[in-house]
């Protein structure tokens, strides 16, 4: 399982989730429109979920269908 950051993060990029991540797997450059979770680094602890003020982080299996494209967007971000 991996966690995915979806649409509510776009344009917000509140870094509260970054601060609580014990393995620093949440990334995003200043020019990115949102933050991303590296699935290879994530230990699936879920600490980021309650820390997100816009409720944008979901376990992959619970990602709302309307935001399904964010799984691919997250994966592609780390394939660069």
C-alpha atoms as a PDB file:
ATOM      1  CA  UNK A   1       0.000   0.000   0.000  1.00  0.00           C
ATOM      2  CA  UNK A   2       1.095   3.539  -0.611  1.00  0.00           C
ATOM      3  CA  UNK A   3      -0.401   6.900   0.201  1.00  0.00           C
ATOM      4  CA  UNK A   4      -1.417   9.391  -2.491  1.00  0.00           C
ATOM      5  CA  UNK A   5      -1.809  13.152  -2.314  1.00  0.00           C
ATOM      6  CA  UNK A   6      -4.830  14.269  -4.331  1.00  0.00           C
ATOM      7  CA  UNK A   7      -6.467  17.422  -5.677  1.00  0.00           C
ATOM      8  CA  UNK A   8      -7.135  19.285  -2.410  1.00  0.00           C
ATOM      9  CA  UNK A   9      -3.357  19.855  -2.145  1.00  0.00           C
ATOM     10  CA  UNK A  10      -3.101  21.524  -5.548  1.00  0.00           C
ATOM     11  CA  UNK A  11      -2.222  25.164  -5.071  1.00  0.00           C
ATOM     12  CA  UNK A  12      -2.086  24.799  -1.274  1.00  0.00           C
ATOM     13  CA  UNK A  13       1.050  22.751  -0.557  1.00  0.00           C
ATOM     14  CA  UNK A  14       0.753  23.094   3.212  1.00  0.00           C
ATOM     15  CA  UNK A  15       3.821  21.294   4.544  1.00  0.00           C
ATOM     16  CA  UNK A  16       2.365  20.098   7.845  1.00  0.00           C
ATOM     17  CA  UNK A  17       2.480  16.561   6.421  1.00  0.00           C
ATOM     18  CA  UNK A  18       6.179  16.922   5.611  1.00  0.00           C
ATOM     19  CA  UNK A  19       6.946  17.915   9.196  1.00  0.00           C
ATOM     20  CA  UNK A  20       5.382  14.750  10.679  1.00  0.00           C
ATOM     21  CA  UNK A  21       6.753  12.233   8.165  1.00  0.00           C
ATOM     22  CA  UNK A  22       9.347  10.098   9.988  1.00  0.00           C
ATOM     23  CA  UNK A  23      11.156   9.106   6.763  1.00  0.00           C
ATOM     24  CA  UNK A  24      10.950  12.373   4.775  1.00  0.00           C
ATOM     25  CA  UNK A  25       9.165  10.753   1.831  1.00  0.00           C
ATOM     26  CA  UNK A  26       6.962  13.750   0.946  1.00  0.00           C
ATOM     27  CA  UNK A  27       8.497  15.940  -1.727  1.00  0.00           C
ATOM     28  CA  UNK A  28       7.680  18.883  -3.919  1.00  0.00           C
ATOM     29  CA  UNK A  29       9.703  21.645  -5.537  1.00  0.00           C
ATOM     30  CA  UNK A  30       8.612  25.261  -5.373  1.00  0.00           C
ATOM     31  CA  UNK A  31       7.462  25.119  -8.993  1.00  0.00           C
ATOM     32  CA  UNK A  32       5.320  21.997  -8.441  1.00  0.00           C
ATOM     33  CA  UNK A  33       1.595  22.522  -8.038  1.00  0.00           C
ATOM     34  CA  UNK A  34       1.343  20.034  -5.154  1.00  0.00           C
ATOM     35  CA  UNK A  35       3.323  17.711  -2.884  1.00  0.00           C
ATOM     36  CA  UNK A  36       4.017  14.052  -3.668  1.00  0.00           C
ATOM     37  CA  UNK A  37       4.676  10.912  -1.614  1.00  0.00           C
ATOM     38  CA  UNK A  38       7.530   8.703  -2.786  1.00  0.00           C
ATOM     39  CA  UNK A  39       6.100   5.154  -2.724  1.00  0.00           C
ATOM     40  CA  UNK A  40       9.594   3.646  -2.474  1.00  0.00           C
ATOM     41  CA  UNK A  41      10.399   5.619   0.685  1.00  0.00           C
ATOM     42  CA  UNK A  42       6.995   5.606   2.393  1.00  0.00           C
ATOM     43  CA  UNK A  43       6.708   3.167   5.308  1.00  0.00           C
ATOM     44  CA  UNK A  44       2.890   3.346   5.323  1.00  0.00           C
ATOM     45  CA  UNK A  45       2.727   4.737   8.841  1.00  0.00           C
ATOM     46  CA  UNK A  46      -0.128   7.126   8.005  1.00  0.00           C
ATOM     47  CA  UNK A  47       1.234   9.961  10.161  1.00  0.00           C
ATOM     48  CA  UNK A  48       0.691  12.375   7.276  1.00  0.00           C
ATOM     49  CA  UNK A  49      -3.043  11.745   6.947  1.00  0.00           C
ATOM     50  CA  UNK A  50      -4.277  13.540  10.083  1.00  0.00           C
ATOM     51  CA  UNK A  51      -1.624  16.252   9.657  1.00  0.00           C
ATOM     52  CA  UNK A  52      -2.989  17.343   6.271  1.00  0.00           C
ATOM     53  CA  UNK A  53      -5.211  20.400   6.846  1.00  0.00           C
ATOM     54  CA  UNK A  54      -7.018  19.993   3.505  1.00  0.00           C
ATOM     55  CA  UNK A  55      -7.590  16.213   3.780  1.00  0.00           C
ATOM     56  CA  UNK A  56      -5.716  15.482   0.551  1.00  0.00           C
ATOM     57  CA  UNK A  57      -3.862  12.305   1.584  1.00  0.00           C
ATOM     58  CA  UNK A  58      -5.403   8.878   1.074  1.00  0.00           C
ATOM     59  CA  UNK A  59      -4.264   5.269   1.212  1.00  0.00           C
ATOM     60  CA  UNK A  60      -4.123   4.112  -2.409  1.00  0.00           C
ATOM     61  CA  UNK A  61      -7.016   1.705  -1.838  1.00  0.00           C
ATOM     62  CA  UNK A  62      -9.215   4.500  -0.468  1.00  0.00           C
ATOM     63  CA  UNK A  63      -8.394   7.160  -3.064  1.00  0.00           C
ATOM     64  CA  UNK A  64     -11.736   8.584  -4.244  1.00  0.00           C
ATOM     65  CA  UNK A  65     -12.486   7.547  -7.821  1.00  0.00           C
ATOM     66  CA  UNK A  66     -12.855  11.183  -8.897  1.00  0.00           C
ATOM     67  CA  UNK A  67      -9.164  11.681  -8.000  1.00  0.00           C
ATOM     68  CA  UNK A  68      -7.883   8.408  -9.431  1.00  0.00           C
ATOM     69  CA  UNK A  69      -5.568  10.229 -11.842  1.00  0.00           C
ATOM     70  CA  UNK A  70      -3.498  11.426  -8.877  1.00  0.00           C
ATOM     71  CA  UNK A  71      -2.099   7.932  -8.350  1.00  0.00           C
ATOM     72  CA  UNK A  72      -0.606   8.076 -11.846  1.00  0.00           C
ATOM     73  CA  UNK A  73       0.498  11.685 -11.379  1.00  0.00           C
ATOM     74  CA  UNK A  74       2.289  10.729  -8.152  1.00  0.00           C
ATOM     75  CA  UNK A  75       3.964   7.722  -9.787  1.00  0.00           C
ATOM     76  CA  UNK A  76       5.129   9.752 -12.778  1.00  0.00           C
ATOM     77  CA  UNK A  77       6.606  12.432 -10.522  1.00  0.00           C
ATOM     78  CA  UNK A  78       9.137   9.941  -9.156  1.00  0.00           C
ATOM     79  CA  UNK A  79       9.931   8.416 -12.549  1.00  0.00           C
ATOM     80  CA  UNK A  80      11.602  11.660 -13.701  1.00  0.00           C
END
